[in-house]
Amino acid sequence: MSVLILNKDQVQEVIDMREVIEKVRGVYQLKSQGKSVIWPLVNYEFKDEHAAMDIRSGYVKGEQLHGLKMLNNFPDNIEKGLPPFNGLMLVYDSNTGIPIGVMDASYITCMRTGAAGAIGVDALARKDAKHLMLLGAGKQAPFQIAATLILRPEIDKVYIVDPVNYPQAQGLAARIRQQLKEEFKIDAENVEFVAEESIEKAVKDSDAIITVTRATKPMIMKEWVKPGTHLSCLGSDMEGKEEIDPEIFKGAKIYADDLAQCVRVGEMEIPLINGVITKDDVAGEIGDLLSGNIAGRENDTETTIFDATGLYILDLVAAKVAITKAKEAHIGLEVEM
């Protein structure tokens, strides 16, 4: 039995954001049809190391794939000259239980997370949305921008806000146009990229907001959010994480990637605990929306929220793309196990 091993550079060489977006959209719909399973999330915070890890796993019946990944986020590695974000992914054929791939998980995670945030924007933001805001200018931010511009090319201004590292936001704003062209084949010459120090100012001028931070207290307040704004919240994926004011949930149309997981570790965790909302206030899951089973935005004044905690089934379908293309291009190392 042979297993394909791919490193980060090889994954990046063969995978394409446009294809990942369509695969992620499809797997959300498969979940809505009961053709996937999310197994319990395992996560742990290394308090002394200021770091965290999580293990995500699942099964996509529609693709006959199952597997798992372990991700590590050790920000202090930057000072040691080591990558702060890394992980490994194992992909199995669900017809036989035989492993078909072992690969770097970090790039695929960034790609599918970018796709997820953008799908939330595309499905729920107003059709005339022009201004996008990214809260968090770290490793994930370019992928969110790329995927959103692919799905919403009419966006003409992107605010990049990093509340703990403004120079990082400035650096990303300066290089993102070139990165989009080289890495994602996106022409963003007509898009204005603004590194903004004031969260309030950026929120007030944004039609769609994507949050990708490790925050444990709200950074976006309800009074800043104008009517009709959409928020894709991706940073809250462990108990106690919180990026937006719980009051924003009150009266909003709320969607989850996986309701059980979002209730436990998502952005809606704290609003639920505090009684700001109940589970009955959640409109449903994004897969149900994409499948046409539930309604989405119904007018231009509604606030909409997509709570995305991250599902390994998204990684699986993205990994299958990488495996297939790598084999076609004879990239990677085939190892007999």
C-alpha atoms as a PDB file:
ATOM      1  CA  MET A   1       0.000   0.000   0.000  1.00  0.00           C
ATOM      2  CA  SER A   2       1.460   3.364  -1.073  1.00  0.00           C
ATOM      3  CA  VAL A   3       0.789   6.725   0.560  1.00  0.00           C
ATOM      4  CA  LEU A   4       1.455  10.110  -1.036  1.00  0.00           C
ATOM      5  CA  ILE A   5       3.392  12.556   1.156  1.00  0.00           C
ATOM      6  CA  LEU A   6       3.214  16.272   0.324  1.00  0.00           C
ATOM      7  CA  ASN A   7       5.035  19.133   2.020  1.00  0.00           C
ATOM      8  CA  LYS A   8       3.711  22.680   2.259  1.00  0.00           C
ATOM      9  CA  ASP A   9       5.367  23.941  -0.930  1.00  0.00           C
ATOM     10  CA  GLN A  10       4.029  20.993  -2.919  1.00  0.00           C
ATOM     11  CA  VAL A  11       0.493  21.516  -1.586  1.00  0.00           C
ATOM     12  CA  GLN A  12       0.693  25.195  -2.507  1.00  0.00           C
ATOM     13  CA  GLU A  13       1.948  24.342  -5.992  1.00  0.00           C
ATOM     14  CA  VAL A  14      -1.020  22.162  -6.915  1.00  0.00           C
ATOM     15  CA  ILE A  15      -4.014  23.643  -5.083  1.00  0.00           C
ATOM     16  CA  ASP A  16      -6.180  26.492  -6.420  1.00  0.00           C
ATOM     17  CA  MET A  17      -8.492  28.751  -4.413  1.00  0.00           C
ATOM     18  CA  ARG A  18     -11.274  28.746  -7.004  1.00  0.00           C
ATOM     19  CA  GLU A  19     -11.494  24.970  -6.951  1.00  0.00           C
ATOM     20  CA  VAL A  20     -11.306  24.905  -3.146  1.00  0.00           C
ATOM     21  CA  ILE A  21     -14.224  27.352  -2.920  1.00  0.00           C
ATOM     22  CA  GLU A  22     -16.418  25.088  -5.029  1.00  0.00           C
ATOM     23  CA  LYS A  23     -15.382  21.988  -3.069  1.00  0.00           C
ATOM     24  CA  VAL A  24     -16.108  23.719   0.246  1.00  0.00           C
ATOM     25  CA  ARG A  25     -19.495  24.910  -1.019  1.00  0.00           C
ATOM     26  CA  GLY A  26     -20.251  21.361  -2.121  1.00  0.00           C
ATOM     27  CA  VAL A  27     -19.281  19.750   1.183  1.00  0.00           C
ATOM     28  CA  TYR A  28     -21.456  22.206   3.127  1.00  0.00           C
ATOM     29  CA  GLN A  29     -24.327  21.009   0.942  1.00  0.00           C
ATOM     30  CA  LEU A  30     -23.381  17.358   1.491  1.00  0.00           C
ATOM     31  CA  LYS A  31     -23.521  18.028   5.240  1.00  0.00           C
ATOM     32  CA  SER A  32     -27.024  19.435   4.784  1.00  0.00           C
ATOM     33  CA  GLN A  33     -27.985  16.179   3.053  1.00  0.00           C
ATOM     34  CA  GLY A  34     -26.643  14.064   5.918  1.00  0.00           C
ATOM     35  CA  LYS A  35     -23.721  12.825   3.813  1.00  0.00           C
ATOM     36  CA  SER A  36     -20.965  13.786   6.235  1.00  0.00           C
ATOM     37  CA  VAL A  37     -20.106  13.342   9.898  1.00  0.00           C
ATOM     38  CA  ILE A  38     -18.250  15.760  12.202  1.00  0.00           C
ATOM     39  CA  TRP A  39     -16.460  13.911  14.987  1.00  0.00           C
ATOM     40  CA  PRO A  40     -15.898  15.658  18.339  1.00  0.00           C
ATOM     41  CA  LEU A  41     -13.328  18.453  18.355  1.00  0.00           C
ATOM     42  CA  VAL A  42     -10.349  18.081  20.678  1.00  0.00           C
ATOM     43  CA  ASN A  43      -8.456  21.220  21.666  1.00  0.00           C
ATOM     44  CA  TYR A  44      -5.973  22.240  24.302  1.00  0.00           C
ATOM     45  CA  GLU A  45      -4.373  25.523  25.355  1.00  0.00           C
ATOM     46  CA  PHE A  46      -0.739  25.508  26.459  1.00  0.00           C
ATOM     47  CA  LYS A  47      -0.917  28.397  28.914  1.00  0.00           C
ATOM     48  CA  ASP A  48       2.795  28.678  29.747  1.00  0.00           C
ATOM     49  CA  GLU A  49       3.719  28.515  26.054  1.00  0.00           C
ATOM     50  CA  HIS A  50       0.917  30.948  25.026  1.00  0.00           C
ATOM     51  CA  ALA A  51      -0.060  28.377  22.423  1.00  0.00           C
ATOM     52  CA  ALA A  52      -2.874  26.083  21.381  1.00  0.00           C
ATOM     53  CA  MET A  53      -3.508  22.904  19.453  1.00  0.00           C
ATOM     54  CA  ASP A  54      -6.584  21.202  18.115  1.00  0.00           C
ATOM     55  CA  ILE A  55      -7.468  17.892  16.524  1.00  0.00           C
ATOM     56  CA  ARG A  56     -10.296  17.850  13.999  1.00  0.00           C
ATOM     57  CA  SER A  57     -11.688  14.820  12.250  1.00  0.00           C
ATOM     58  CA  GLY A  58     -14.603  13.718  10.133  1.00  0.00           C
ATOM     59  CA  TYR A  59     -16.087  11.664   7.330  1.00  0.00           C
ATOM     60  CA  VAL A  60     -17.450  12.799   3.961  1.00  0.00           C
ATOM     61  CA  LYS A  61     -19.702  10.037   2.691  1.00  0.00           C
ATOM     62  CA  GLY A  62     -20.308  11.877  -0.561  1.00  0.00           C
ATOM     63  CA  GLU A  63     -16.571  11.721  -1.330  1.00  0.00           C
ATOM     64  CA  GLN A  64     -15.771   8.487   0.554  1.00  0.00           C
ATOM     65  CA  LEU A  65     -13.039  10.199   2.582  1.00  0.00           C
ATOM     66  CA  HIS A  66     -12.288  10.315   6.285  1.00  0.00           C
ATOM     67  CA  GLY A  67      -9.344  11.436   8.370  1.00  0.00           C
ATOM     68  CA  LEU A  68      -7.952  13.897  10.851  1.00  0.00           C
ATOM     69  CA  LYS A  69      -5.513  16.732  11.338  1.00  0.00           C
ATOM     70  CA  MET A  70      -3.621  18.153  14.279  1.00  0.00           C
ATOM     71  CA  LEU A  71      -2.895  21.886  14.134  1.00  0.00           C
ATOM     72  CA  ASN A  72      -0.513  23.790  16.397  1.00  0.00           C
ATOM     73  CA  ASN A  73      -0.498  27.568  16.849  1.00  0.00           C
ATOM     74  CA  PHE A  74       2.640  28.673  18.726  1.00  0.00           C
ATOM     75  CA  PRO A  75       2.992  32.446  18.105  1.00  0.00           C
ATOM     76  CA  ASP A  76       6.198  32.702  20.164  1.00  0.00           C
ATOM     77  CA  ASN A  77       7.923  30.575  17.518  1.00  0.00           C
ATOM     78  CA  ILE A  78       8.418  33.735  15.474  1.00  0.00           C
ATOM     79  CA  GLU A  79      11.055  34.903  17.968  1.00  0.00           C
ATOM     80  CA  LYS A  80      12.754  31.504  17.654  1.00  0.00           C
ATOM     81  CA  GLY A  81      12.892  31.635  13.870  1.00  0.00           C
ATOM     82  CA  LEU A  82      10.341  28.825  13.618  1.00  0.00           C
ATOM     83  CA  PRO A  83       6.944  28.744  11.881  1.00  0.00           C
ATOM     84  CA  PRO A  84       4.183  29.690  14.346  1.00  0.00           C
ATOM     85  CA  PHE A  85       1.465  27.703  12.615  1.00  0.00           C
ATOM     86  CA  ASN A  86       1.899  24.089  11.559  1.00  0.00           C
ATOM     87  CA  GLY A  87       0.167  20.760  11.412  1.00  0.00           C
ATOM     88  CA  LEU A  88      -0.211  17.396   9.728  1.00  0.00           C
ATOM     89  CA  MET A  89      -3.170  15.891   7.925  1.00  0.00           C
ATOM     90  CA  LEU A  90      -4.056  12.227   7.362  1.00  0.00           C
ATOM     91  CA  VAL A  91      -6.503  11.318   4.597  1.00  0.00           C
ATOM     92  CA  TYR A  92      -8.083   7.857   4.277  1.00  0.00           C
ATOM     93  CA  ASP A  93     -10.140   6.107   1.601  1.00  0.00           C
ATOM     94  CA  SER A  94     -13.457   5.319   3.287  1.00  0.00           C
ATOM     95  CA  ASN A  95     -14.078   2.369   0.961  1.00  0.00           C
ATOM     96  CA  THR A  96     -11.058   0.494   2.330  1.00  0.00           C
ATOM     97  CA  GLY A  97      -9.741   2.360   5.387  1.00  0.00           C
ATOM     98  CA  ILE A  98      -6.379   2.629   3.634  1.00  0.00           C
ATOM     99  CA  PRO A  99      -4.470   5.939   3.966  1.00  0.00           C
ATOM    100  CA  ILE A 100      -4.036   7.795   0.681  1.00  0.00           C
ATOM    101  CA  GLY A 101      -2.264  10.953   1.819  1.00  0.00           C
ATOM    102  CA  VAL A 102      -0.133  12.530   4.533  1.00  0.00           C
ATOM    103  CA  MET A 103       0.512  16.210   4.101  1.00  0.00           C
ATOM    104  CA  ASP A 104       1.201  19.585   5.614  1.00  0.00           C
ATOM    105  CA  ALA A 105      -2.066  20.901   7.046  1.00  0.00           C
ATOM    106  CA  SER A 106      -1.290  24.590   7.402  1.00  0.00           C
ATOM    107  CA  TYR A 107      -1.743  25.713   3.797  1.00  0.00           C
ATOM    108  CA  ILE A 108      -4.872  23.648   3.191  1.00  0.00           C
ATOM    109  CA  THR A 109      -6.325  24.980   6.454  1.00  0.00           C
ATOM    110  CA  CYS A 110      -5.723  28.552   5.313  1.00  0.00           C
ATOM    111  CA  MET A 111      -7.254  27.846   1.902  1.00  0.00           C
ATOM    112  CA  ARG A 112     -10.430  26.179   3.150  1.00  0.00           C
ATOM    113  CA  THR A 113     -10.868  28.750   5.950  1.00  0.00           C
ATOM    114  CA  GLY A 114     -10.553  31.534   3.399  1.00  0.00           C
ATOM    115  CA  ALA A 115     -13.152  29.806   1.261  1.00  0.00           C
ATOM    116  CA  ALA A 116     -15.505  29.392   4.230  1.00  0.00           C
ATOM    117  CA  GLY A 117     -15.369  33.055   5.266  1.00  0.00           C
ATOM    118  CA  ALA A 118     -15.907  34.193   1.694  1.00  0.00           C
ATOM    119  CA  ILE A 119     -18.824  31.811   1.128  1.00  0.00           C
ATOM    120  CA  GLY A 120     -20.466  33.362   4.189  1.00  0.00           C
ATOM    121  CA  VAL A 121     -19.987  36.828   2.715  1.00  0.00           C
ATOM    122  CA  ASP A 122     -21.231  35.787  -0.714  1.00  0.00           C
ATOM    123  CA  ALA A 123     -24.303  34.025   0.648  1.00  0.00           C
ATOM    124  CA  LEU A 124     -25.332  36.633   3.216  1.00  0.00           C
ATOM    125  CA  ALA A 125     -23.885  40.080   2.495  1.00  0.00           C
ATOM    126  CA  ARG A 126     -25.980  42.638   0.623  1.00  0.00           C
ATOM    127  CA  LYS A 127     -25.664  42.330  -3.133  1.00  0.00           C
ATOM    128  CA  ASP A 128     -24.369  45.899  -3.355  1.00  0.00           C
ATOM    129  CA  ALA A 129     -21.651  45.398  -0.699  1.00  0.00           C
ATOM    130  CA  LYS A 130     -18.496  47.275  -1.704  1.00  0.00           C
ATOM    131  CA  HIS A 131     -16.407  47.619   1.473  1.00  0.00           C
ATOM    132  CA  LEU A 132     -14.863  44.618   3.238  1.00  0.00           C
ATOM    133  CA  MET A 133     -13.109  44.656   6.617  1.00  0.00           C
ATOM    134  CA  LEU A 134     -10.637  42.073   7.894  1.00  0.00           C
ATOM    135  CA  LEU A 135     -10.163  41.993  11.658  1.00  0.00           C
ATOM    136  CA  GLY A 136      -6.804  40.303  12.073  1.00  0.00           C
ATOM    137  CA  ALA A 137      -3.841  40.707   9.720  1.00  0.00           C
ATOM    138  CA  GLY A 138      -2.114  37.406  10.420  1.00  0.00           C
ATOM    139  CA  LYS A 139      -1.480  34.364   8.273  1.00  0.00           C
ATOM    140  CA  GLN A 140      -5.140  33.784   7.448  1.00  0.00           C
ATOM    141  CA  ALA A 141      -5.944  37.304   6.220  1.00  0.00           C
ATOM    142  CA  PRO A 142      -4.653  37.045   2.608  1.00  0.00           C
ATOM    143  CA  PHE A 143      -6.714  33.908   2.042  1.00  0.00           C
ATOM    144  CA  GLN A 144      -9.881  35.610   3.278  1.00  0.00           C
ATOM    145  CA  ILE A 145      -9.246  38.570   0.995  1.00  0.00           C
ATOM    146  CA  ALA A 146      -8.462  36.372  -2.007  1.00  0.00           C
ATOM    147  CA  ALA A 147     -11.507  34.137  -1.682  1.00  0.00           C
ATOM    148  CA  THR A 148     -13.862  37.066  -1.055  1.00  0.00           C
ATOM    149  CA  LEU A 149     -12.598  39.005  -4.076  1.00  0.00           C
ATOM    150  CA  ILE A 150     -13.080  35.901  -6.233  1.00  0.00           C
ATOM    151  CA  LEU A 151     -16.723  35.593  -5.148  1.00  0.00           C
ATOM    152  CA  ARG A 152     -17.433  39.317  -4.828  1.00  0.00           C
ATOM    153  CA  PRO A 153     -15.269  41.087  -7.468  1.00  0.00           C
ATOM    154  CA  GLU A 154     -17.331  44.272  -7.063  1.00  0.00           C
ATOM    155  CA  ILE A 155     -15.643  44.967  -3.693  1.00  0.00           C
ATOM    156  CA  ASP A 156     -13.484  48.061  -4.152  1.00  0.00           C
ATOM    157  CA  LYS A 157     -12.141  48.767  -0.651  1.00  0.00           C
ATOM    158  CA  VAL A 158     -10.652  46.421   1.938  1.00  0.00           C
ATOM    159  CA  TYR A 159      -9.894  47.602   5.466  1.00  0.00           C
ATOM    160  CA  ILE A 160      -7.161  45.609   7.194  1.00  0.00           C
ATOM    161  CA  VAL A 161      -7.290  46.022  10.976  1.00  0.00           C
ATOM    162  CA  ASP A 162      -5.015  44.379  13.516  1.00  0.00           C
ATOM    163  CA  PRO A 163      -5.744  45.605  17.052  1.00  0.00           C
ATOM    164  CA  VAL A 164      -2.555  44.141  18.536  1.00  0.00           C
ATOM    165  CA  ASN A 165      -0.116  44.693  15.668  1.00  0.00           C
ATOM    166  CA  TYR A 166      -0.813  47.717  13.471  1.00  0.00           C
ATOM    167  CA  PRO A 167       2.547  47.402  11.617  1.00  0.00           C
ATOM    168  CA  GLN A 168       1.440  43.921  10.551  1.00  0.00           C
ATOM    169  CA  ALA A 169      -1.696  45.440   9.032  1.00  0.00           C
ATOM    170  CA  GLN A 170       0.417  48.058   7.267  1.00  0.00           C
ATOM    171  CA  GLY A 171       2.723  45.396   5.870  1.00  0.00           C
ATOM    172  CA  LEU A 172      -0.149  43.316   4.546  1.00  0.00           C
ATOM    173  CA  ALA A 173      -1.835  46.347   2.966  1.00  0.00           C
ATOM    174  CA  ALA A 174       1.432  47.194   1.204  1.00  0.00           C
ATOM    175  CA  ARG A 175       2.046  43.730  -0.255  1.00  0.00           C
ATOM    176  CA  ILE A 176      -1.407  42.181  -0.661  1.00  0.00           C
ATOM    177  CA  ARG A 177      -2.028  43.383  -4.220  1.00  0.00           C
ATOM    178  CA  GLN A 178       1.146  41.687  -5.429  1.00  0.00           C
ATOM    179  CA  GLN A 179       0.448  38.551  -3.357  1.00  0.00           C
ATOM    180  CA  LEU A 180      -3.032  38.263  -4.822  1.00  0.00           C
ATOM    181  CA  LYS A 181      -1.596  38.444  -8.320  1.00  0.00           C
ATOM    182  CA  GLU A 182       1.241  35.969  -7.793  1.00  0.00           C
ATOM    183  CA  GLU A 183      -0.357  33.428  -5.449  1.00  0.00           C
ATOM    184  CA  PHE A 184      -4.038  33.546  -6.413  1.00  0.00           C
ATOM    185  CA  LYS A 185      -4.036  34.968  -9.976  1.00  0.00           C
ATOM    186  CA  ILE A 186      -6.289  37.848  -8.900  1.00  0.00           C
ATOM    187  CA  ASP A 187      -6.069  41.298 -10.459  1.00  0.00           C
ATOM    188  CA  ALA A 188      -6.824  43.737  -7.630  1.00  0.00           C
ATOM    189  CA  GLU A 189      -5.535  46.933  -9.246  1.00  0.00           C
ATOM    190  CA  ASN A 190      -8.900  48.628  -8.726  1.00  0.00           C
ATOM    191  CA  VAL A 191      -9.172  47.669  -5.060  1.00  0.00           C
ATOM    192  CA  GLU A 192      -8.055  50.077  -2.322  1.00  0.00           C
ATOM    193  CA  PHE A 193      -6.344  48.361   0.617  1.00  0.00           C
ATOM    194  CA  VAL A 194      -6.325  50.418   3.813  1.00  0.00           C
ATOM    195  CA  ALA A 195      -4.452  49.571   7.015  1.00  0.00           C
ATOM    196  CA  GLU A 196      -6.719  51.179   9.611  1.00  0.00           C
ATOM    197  CA  GLU A 197      -5.799  51.710  13.269  1.00  0.00           C
ATOM    198  CA  SER A 198      -9.355  52.443  14.401  1.00  0.00           C
ATOM    199  CA  ILE A 199     -11.604  49.384  14.574  1.00  0.00           C
ATOM    200  CA  GLU A 200     -14.612  51.656  15.032  1.00  0.00           C
ATOM    201  CA  LYS A 201     -13.875  53.688  11.911  1.00  0.00           C
ATOM    202  CA  ALA A 202     -13.417  50.597   9.742  1.00  0.00           C
ATOM    203  CA  VAL A 203     -16.547  48.880  11.074  1.00  0.00           C
ATOM    204  CA  LYS A 204     -18.714  51.938  10.456  1.00  0.00           C
ATOM    205  CA  ASP A 205     -17.663  52.053   6.780  1.00  0.00           C
ATOM    206  CA  SER A 206     -17.856  48.318   6.078  1.00  0.00           C
ATOM    207  CA  ASP A 207     -20.615  46.294   4.447  1.00  0.00           C
ATOM    208  CA  ALA A 208     -19.051  42.917   5.242  1.00  0.00           C
ATOM    209  CA  ILE A 209     -16.671  41.994   8.058  1.00  0.00           C
ATOM    210  CA  ILE A 210     -14.536  38.888   8.507  1.00  0.00           C
ATOM    211  CA  THR A 211     -12.967  38.275  11.928  1.00  0.00           C
ATOM    212  CA  VAL A 212      -9.911  36.031  12.254  1.00  0.00           C
ATOM    213  CA  THR A 213      -8.259  36.683  15.619  1.00  0.00           C
ATOM    214  CA  ARG A 214      -7.559  34.820  18.870  1.00  0.00           C
ATOM    215  CA  ALA A 215      -9.507  37.376  20.930  1.00  0.00           C
ATOM    216  CA  THR A 216     -11.202  36.480  24.203  1.00  0.00           C
ATOM    217  CA  LYS A 217     -13.171  39.715  24.567  1.00  0.00           C
ATOM    218  CA  PRO A 218     -15.281  41.699  22.090  1.00  0.00           C
ATOM    219  CA  MET A 219     -13.465  44.051  19.734  1.00  0.00           C
ATOM    220  CA  ILE A 220     -16.422  45.047  17.548  1.00  0.00           C
ATOM    221  CA  MET A 221     -19.254  46.813  19.361  1.00  0.00           C
ATOM    222  CA  LYS A 222     -22.889  46.781  18.298  1.00  0.00           C
ATOM    223  CA  GLU A 223     -23.242  50.560  18.072  1.00  0.00           C
ATOM    224  CA  TRP A 224     -20.559  50.632  15.349  1.00  0.00           C
ATOM    225  CA  VAL A 225     -22.298  48.121  13.078  1.00  0.00           C
ATOM    226  CA  LYS A 226     -24.495  49.797  10.484  1.00  0.00           C
ATOM    227  CA  PRO A 227     -27.788  48.217   9.348  1.00  0.00           C
ATOM    228  CA  GLY A 228     -27.349  45.567   6.681  1.00  0.00           C
ATOM    229  CA  THR A 229     -23.837  44.514   7.703  1.00  0.00           C
ATOM    230  CA  HIS A 230     -22.723  40.908   7.397  1.00  0.00           C
ATOM    231  CA  LEU A 231     -20.163  39.325   9.760  1.00  0.00           C
ATOM    232  CA  SER A 232     -18.293  36.074   9.099  1.00  0.00           C
ATOM    233  CA  CYS A 233     -16.753  35.140  12.462  1.00  0.00           C
ATOM    234  CA  LEU A 234     -13.948  32.603  12.143  1.00  0.00           C
ATOM    235  CA  GLY A 235     -11.638  33.254  15.086  1.00  0.00           C
ATOM    236  CA  SER A 236     -13.745  31.708  17.839  1.00  0.00           C
ATOM    237  CA  ASP A 237     -13.033  27.987  17.734  1.00  0.00           C
ATOM    238  CA  MET A 238     -12.237  27.247  21.390  1.00  0.00           C
ATOM    239  CA  GLU A 239     -14.200  27.811  24.593  1.00  0.00           C
ATOM    240  CA  GLY A 240     -13.968  31.393  25.840  1.00  0.00           C
ATOM    241  CA  LYS A 241     -12.931  32.976  22.543  1.00  0.00           C
ATOM    242  CA  GLU A 242     -14.970  36.027  21.586  1.00  0.00           C
ATOM    243  CA  GLU A 243     -14.491  38.641  18.856  1.00  0.00           C
ATOM    244  CA  ILE A 244     -17.756  40.579  18.634  1.00  0.00           C
ATOM    245  CA  ASP A 245     -20.161  42.180  21.098  1.00  0.00           C
ATOM    246  CA  PRO A 246     -22.808  39.579  22.077  1.00  0.00           C
ATOM    247  CA  GLU A 247     -25.455  42.269  21.589  1.00  0.00           C
ATOM    248  CA  ILE A 248     -24.804  42.110  17.829  1.00  0.00           C
ATOM    249  CA  PHE A 249     -26.498  38.711  17.877  1.00  0.00           C
ATOM    250  CA  LYS A 250     -29.728  40.205  19.211  1.00  0.00           C
ATOM    251  CA  GLY A 251     -32.115  40.524  16.284  1.00  0.00           C
ATOM    252  CA  ALA A 252     -29.557  39.262  13.757  1.00  0.00           C
ATOM    253  CA  LYS A 253     -30.015  36.342  11.361  1.00  0.00           C
ATOM    254  CA  ILE A 254     -27.519  33.752  12.575  1.00  0.00           C
ATOM    255  CA  TYR A 255     -26.043  30.792  10.703  1.00  0.00           C
ATOM    256  CA  ALA A 256     -23.588  28.112  11.865  1.00  0.00           C
ATOM    257  CA  ASP A 257     -21.200  25.837  10.014  1.00  0.00           C
ATOM    258  CA  ASP A 258     -22.041  23.080  12.540  1.00  0.00           C
ATOM    259  CA  LEU A 259     -24.606  24.055  15.156  1.00  0.00           C
ATOM    260  CA  ALA A 260     -23.462  21.658  17.881  1.00  0.00           C
ATOM    261  CA  GLN A 261     -19.851  22.764  17.547  1.00  0.00           C
ATOM    262  CA  CYS A 262     -20.732  26.466  17.375  1.00  0.00           C
ATOM    263  CA  VAL A 263     -22.826  26.209  20.542  1.00  0.00           C
ATOM    264  CA  ARG A 264     -19.850  24.711  22.355  1.00  0.00           C
ATOM    265  CA  VAL A 265     -16.895  26.716  21.037  1.00  0.00           C
ATOM    266  CA  GLY A 266     -18.117  29.237  18.472  1.00  0.00           C
ATOM    267  CA  GLU A 267     -18.818  32.962  18.515  1.00  0.00           C
ATOM    268  CA  MET A 268     -22.357  32.195  19.661  1.00  0.00           C
ATOM    269  CA  GLU A 269     -21.125  30.310  22.770  1.00  0.00           C
ATOM    270  CA  ILE A 270     -21.041  33.337  25.083  1.00  0.00           C
ATOM    271  CA  PRO A 271     -24.233  35.023  23.813  1.00  0.00           C
ATOM    272  CA  LEU A 272     -26.004  31.713  24.475  1.00  0.00           C
ATOM    273  CA  ILE A 273     -24.512  31.338  27.952  1.00  0.00           C
ATOM    274  CA  ASN A 274     -25.475  34.914  28.831  1.00  0.00           C
ATOM    275  CA  GLY A 275     -29.020  34.524  27.527  1.00  0.00           C
ATOM    276  CA  VAL A 276     -28.650  37.152  24.800  1.00  0.00           C
ATOM    277  CA  ILE A 277     -29.969  34.566  22.345  1.00  0.00           C
ATOM    278  CA  THR A 278     -31.276  30.993  22.479  1.00  0.00           C
ATOM    279  CA  LYS A 279     -30.640  28.123  20.084  1.00  0.00           C
ATOM    280  CA  ASP A 280     -34.050  28.866  18.573  1.00  0.00           C
ATOM    281  CA  ASP A 281     -32.673  32.205  17.374  1.00  0.00           C
ATOM    282  CA  VAL A 282     -30.198  30.448  15.060  1.00  0.00           C
ATOM    283  CA  ALA A 283     -31.662  30.318  11.562  1.00  0.00           C
ATOM    284  CA  GLY A 284     -29.779  27.128  10.709  1.00  0.00           C
ATOM    285  CA  GLU A 285     -26.563  25.863   9.147  1.00  0.00           C
ATOM    286  CA  ILE A 286     -24.835  27.355   6.128  1.00  0.00           C
ATOM    287  CA  GLY A 287     -25.245  24.092   4.207  1.00  0.00           C
ATOM    288  CA  ASP A 288     -29.021  24.318   4.573  1.00  0.00           C
ATOM    289  CA  LEU A 289     -28.875  27.875   3.240  1.00  0.00           C
ATOM    290  CA  LEU A 290     -26.677  26.923   0.278  1.00  0.00           C
ATOM    291  CA  SER A 291     -28.997  23.991  -0.480  1.00  0.00           C
ATOM    292  CA  GLY A 292     -32.036  26.278  -0.528  1.00  0.00           C
ATOM    293  CA  ASN A 293     -33.660  24.650   2.494  1.00  0.00           C
ATOM    294  CA  ILE A 294     -33.759  27.807   4.621  1.00  0.00           C
ATOM    295  CA  ALA A 295     -33.969  31.506   3.841  1.00  0.00           C
ATOM    296  CA  GLY A 296     -31.024  33.874   3.814  1.00  0.00           C
ATOM    297  CA  ARG A 297     -30.981  37.659   3.893  1.00  0.00           C
ATOM    298  CA  GLU A 298     -34.443  39.031   3.216  1.00  0.00           C
ATOM    299  CA  ASN A 299     -33.762  42.772   3.157  1.00  0.00           C
ATOM    300  CA  ASP A 300     -30.920  45.292   3.095  1.00  0.00           C
ATOM    301  CA  THR A 301     -31.210  46.299   6.752  1.00  0.00           C
ATOM    302  CA  GLU A 302     -30.762  42.892   8.394  1.00  0.00           C
ATOM    303  CA  THR A 303     -27.569  42.090  10.273  1.00  0.00           C
ATOM    304  CA  THR A 304     -26.367  38.617   9.333  1.00  0.00           C
ATOM    305  CA  ILE A 305     -23.785  36.468  11.133  1.00  0.00           C
ATOM    306  CA  PHE A 306     -21.994  33.335   9.927  1.00  0.00           C
ATOM    307  CA  ASP A 307     -20.381  31.550  12.872  1.00  0.00           C
ATOM    308  CA  ALA A 308     -17.686  29.307  11.371  1.00  0.00           C
ATOM    309  CA  THR A 309     -15.742  27.163  13.829  1.00  0.00           C
ATOM    310  CA  GLY A 310     -13.986  25.144  11.139  1.00  0.00           C
ATOM    311  CA  LEU A 311     -14.904  21.656   9.938  1.00  0.00           C
ATOM    312  CA  TYR A 312     -12.391  18.989   8.991  1.00  0.00           C
ATOM    313  CA  ILE A 313     -14.669  17.792   6.203  1.00  0.00           C
ATOM    314  CA  LEU A 314     -13.650  20.997   4.385  1.00  0.00           C
ATOM    315  CA  ASP A 315      -9.993  20.043   4.714  1.00  0.00           C
ATOM    316  CA  LEU A 316     -10.725  16.569   3.399  1.00  0.00           C
ATOM    317  CA  VAL A 317     -12.195  17.717   0.111  1.00  0.00           C
ATOM    318  CA  ALA A 318      -9.426  20.302  -0.336  1.00  0.00           C
ATOM    319  CA  ALA A 319      -6.825  17.630   0.426  1.00  0.00           C
ATOM    320  CA  LYS A 320      -8.380  15.328  -2.185  1.00  0.00           C
ATOM    321  CA  VAL A 321      -7.880  18.086  -4.768  1.00  0.00           C
ATOM    322  CA  ALA A 322      -4.212  18.358  -3.782  1.00  0.00           C
ATOM    323  CA  ILE A 323      -3.693  14.574  -3.894  1.00  0.00           C
ATOM    324  CA  THR A 324      -5.336  14.190  -7.294  1.00  0.00           C
ATOM    325  CA  LYS A 325      -3.437  17.070  -8.892  1.00  0.00           C
ATOM    326  CA  ALA A 326      -0.130  16.080  -7.310  1.00  0.00           C
ATOM    327  CA  LYS A 327      -0.414  12.573  -8.697  1.00  0.00           C
ATOM    328  CA  GLU A 328      -1.247  13.916 -12.149  1.00  0.00           C
ATOM    329  CA  ALA A 329       1.838  16.171 -12.017  1.00  0.00           C
ATOM    330  CA  HIS A 330       4.051  13.488 -10.404  1.00  0.00           C
ATOM    331  CA  ILE A 331       4.661  15.738  -7.402  1.00  0.00           C
ATOM    332  CA  GLY A 332       5.302  14.404  -3.900  1.00  0.00           C
ATOM    333  CA  LEU A 333       6.789  11.261  -2.431  1.00  0.00           C
ATOM    334  CA  GLU A 334       5.034   7.894  -2.792  1.00  0.00           C
ATOM    335  CA  VAL A 335       5.921   5.715   0.204  1.00  0.00           C
ATOM    336  CA  GLU A 336       5.129   2.041   0.663  1.00  0.00           C
ATOM    337  CA  MET A 337       3.670   1.519   4.143  1.00  0.00           C
END
